[in-house]
Amino acid sequence: MSSTDFGQAVSEFFARFDRAILELPSGAFGGRPGDVAMRLTECTSGPRIVELRFDIGLRMRIEGEPRALVKKEEFVDIDLLEIDAFDRLLLEWAGRDEEFSDGAVRFIVASIERRKAALREMP
């Protein structure tokens, strides 16, 4: 997948769902699953590099030719964006860096979060 196509897939996912929870190859981002829901604020791509920035101050740099796969898991009612096949993935957040060279990163949108948001918006 080209960097441009990859960046477009990520941007379209976040345009559709607004916020998502991040799951890293090492486990849930932020400690516990569901603690941190983030919004994509910027997506830039160049040859073999895509950089994503999120509203919580997280910067994600993805190198290589990653694959972005959007899935809907009906049994547990979640939508997710899975990113894999990257050469290197670097996270910078709150003065800490974390690097991955294999595994998969998943952005997860659970239906329970959508239901909670809808209830808050009801008159």
Protein backbone atom coordinates (compact mmCIF):
# COMPACT_ATOMS: atom_id res chain seq x y z
CA MET A 1 0.00 0.00 0.00
CA SER A 2 1.48 3.36 -0.92
CA SER A 3 2.00 5.99 1.79
CA THR A 4 -0.69 8.15 0.19
CA ASP A 5 -3.25 5.31 0.10
CA PHE A 6 -2.37 4.35 3.66
CA GLY A 7 -2.74 7.92 4.88
CA GLN A 8 -6.08 8.21 3.11
CA ALA A 9 -7.37 5.00 4.74
CA VAL A 10 -6.41 6.29 8.19
CA SER A 11 -7.95 9.73 7.55
CA GLU A 12 -11.20 8.17 6.29
CA PHE A 13 -11.47 5.92 9.35
CA PHE A 14 -11.12 8.87 11.72
CA ALA A 15 -13.47 11.03 9.66
CA ARG A 16 -16.06 8.29 10.06
CA PHE A 17 -15.58 7.58 13.77
CA ASP A 18 -13.98 10.75 15.19
CA ARG A 19 -12.30 9.09 18.22
CA ALA A 20 -10.72 5.70 18.78
CA ILE A 21 -8.83 3.77 21.44
CA LEU A 22 -5.27 2.70 20.63
CA GLU A 23 -3.98 -0.81 21.20
CA LEU A 24 -0.24 -1.36 20.70
CA PRO A 25 1.67 -4.62 20.22
CA SER A 26 2.69 -4.22 23.88
CA GLY A 27 -0.89 -3.69 25.11
CA ALA A 28 -3.40 -0.90 25.66
CA PHE A 29 -2.11 2.64 25.21
CA GLY A 30 -2.39 4.63 28.42
CA GLY A 31 -2.50 1.62 30.72
CA ARG A 32 -5.98 0.17 30.80
CA PRO A 33 -8.05 -0.64 27.71
CA GLY A 34 -10.37 2.24 26.91
CA ASP A 35 -8.66 4.84 29.10
CA VAL A 36 -7.62 7.14 26.25
CA ALA A 37 -9.83 7.86 23.23
CA MET A 38 -8.05 10.05 20.71
CA ARG A 39 -8.89 12.15 17.67
CA LEU A 40 -6.65 12.38 14.60
CA THR A 41 -5.57 16.00 14.05
CA GLU A 42 -3.04 15.61 11.24
CA CYS A 43 -1.95 13.00 8.72
CA THR A 44 1.02 13.63 6.43
CA SER A 45 2.71 11.22 4.08
CA GLY A 46 5.91 11.09 2.10
CA PRO A 47 7.89 8.32 0.45
CA ARG A 48 7.68 5.32 2.81
CA ILE A 49 6.75 7.52 5.81
CA VAL A 50 3.39 8.47 7.30
CA GLU A 51 3.11 10.71 10.31
CA LEU A 52 -0.04 10.88 12.42
CA ARG A 53 -0.74 13.42 15.16
CA PHE A 54 -3.51 13.15 17.73
CA ASP A 55 -5.30 15.60 20.01
CA ILE A 56 -3.69 14.14 23.14
CA GLY A 57 -0.21 15.18 21.97
CA LEU A 58 0.69 11.77 20.58
CA ARG A 59 2.82 11.62 17.44
CA MET A 60 3.04 8.35 15.49
CA ARG A 61 5.59 7.89 12.71
CA ILE A 62 5.14 4.82 10.52
CA GLU A 63 7.95 3.78 8.18
CA GLY A 64 7.95 1.27 5.34
CA GLU A 65 4.94 0.14 3.38
CA PRO A 66 2.36 -0.57 6.06
CA ARG A 67 -1.02 -2.08 5.50
CA ALA A 68 -4.22 -0.51 6.85
CA LEU A 69 -7.19 -2.82 7.22
CA VAL A 70 -10.60 -1.60 8.36
CA LYS A 71 -12.69 -4.31 10.01
CA LYS A 72 -16.08 -4.68 11.66
CA GLU A 73 -16.27 -7.40 14.29
CA GLU A 74 -19.96 -8.17 14.63
CA PHE A 75 -19.79 -10.52 17.62
CA VAL A 76 -18.31 -7.88 19.92
CA ASP A 77 -19.73 -4.94 17.92
CA ILE A 78 -16.54 -2.99 17.33
CA ASP A 79 -15.04 -1.24 14.35
CA LEU A 80 -11.30 -1.18 14.06
CA LEU A 81 -8.42 -0.02 11.95
CA GLU A 82 -5.51 -2.43 12.04
CA ILE A 83 -2.05 -1.30 10.94
CA ASP A 84 0.64 -3.87 10.30
CA ALA A 85 3.46 -4.80 7.91
CA PHE A 86 5.43 -1.68 8.86
CA ASP A 87 9.22 -1.57 9.06
CA ARG A 88 9.25 0.73 12.08
CA LEU A 89 6.60 2.47 14.15
CA LEU A 90 7.67 5.21 16.54
CA LEU A 91 5.41 6.76 19.19
CA GLU A 92 6.25 10.03 20.92
CA TRP A 93 4.04 11.09 23.81
CA ALA A 94 4.59 12.98 27.06
CA GLY A 95 8.38 12.95 26.66
CA ARG A 96 8.52 9.20 26.15
CA ASP A 97 9.35 7.26 22.99
CA GLU A 98 8.29 3.73 22.16
CA GLU A 99 9.34 1.84 19.06
CA PHE A 100 7.97 -1.27 17.35
CA SER A 101 9.32 -3.22 14.40
CA ASP A 102 6.67 -5.94 14.27
CA GLY A 103 3.17 -6.74 15.41
CA ALA A 104 0.01 -4.75 14.78
CA VAL A 105 -1.43 -1.48 16.03
CA ARG A 106 -5.20 -1.23 16.30
CA PHE A 107 -7.50 1.74 16.63
CA ILE A 108 -10.74 0.50 18.16
CA VAL A 109 -14.22 2.04 18.26
CA ALA A 110 -16.58 0.07 20.48
CA SER A 111 -20.31 0.42 20.10
CA ILE A 112 -20.71 1.09 23.82
CA GLU A 113 -18.86 4.38 23.34
CA ARG A 114 -21.15 5.32 20.46
CA ARG A 115 -24.19 4.51 22.61
CA LYS A 116 -22.90 6.62 25.51
CA ALA A 117 -22.31 9.57 23.16
CA ALA A 118 -25.80 9.22 21.70
CA LEU A 119 -27.37 9.17 25.18
CA ARG A 120 -25.51 12.35 26.16
CA GLU A 121 -26.89 14.07 23.05
CA MET A 122 -30.52 13.12 23.73
CA PRO A 123 -32.83 15.92 24.92
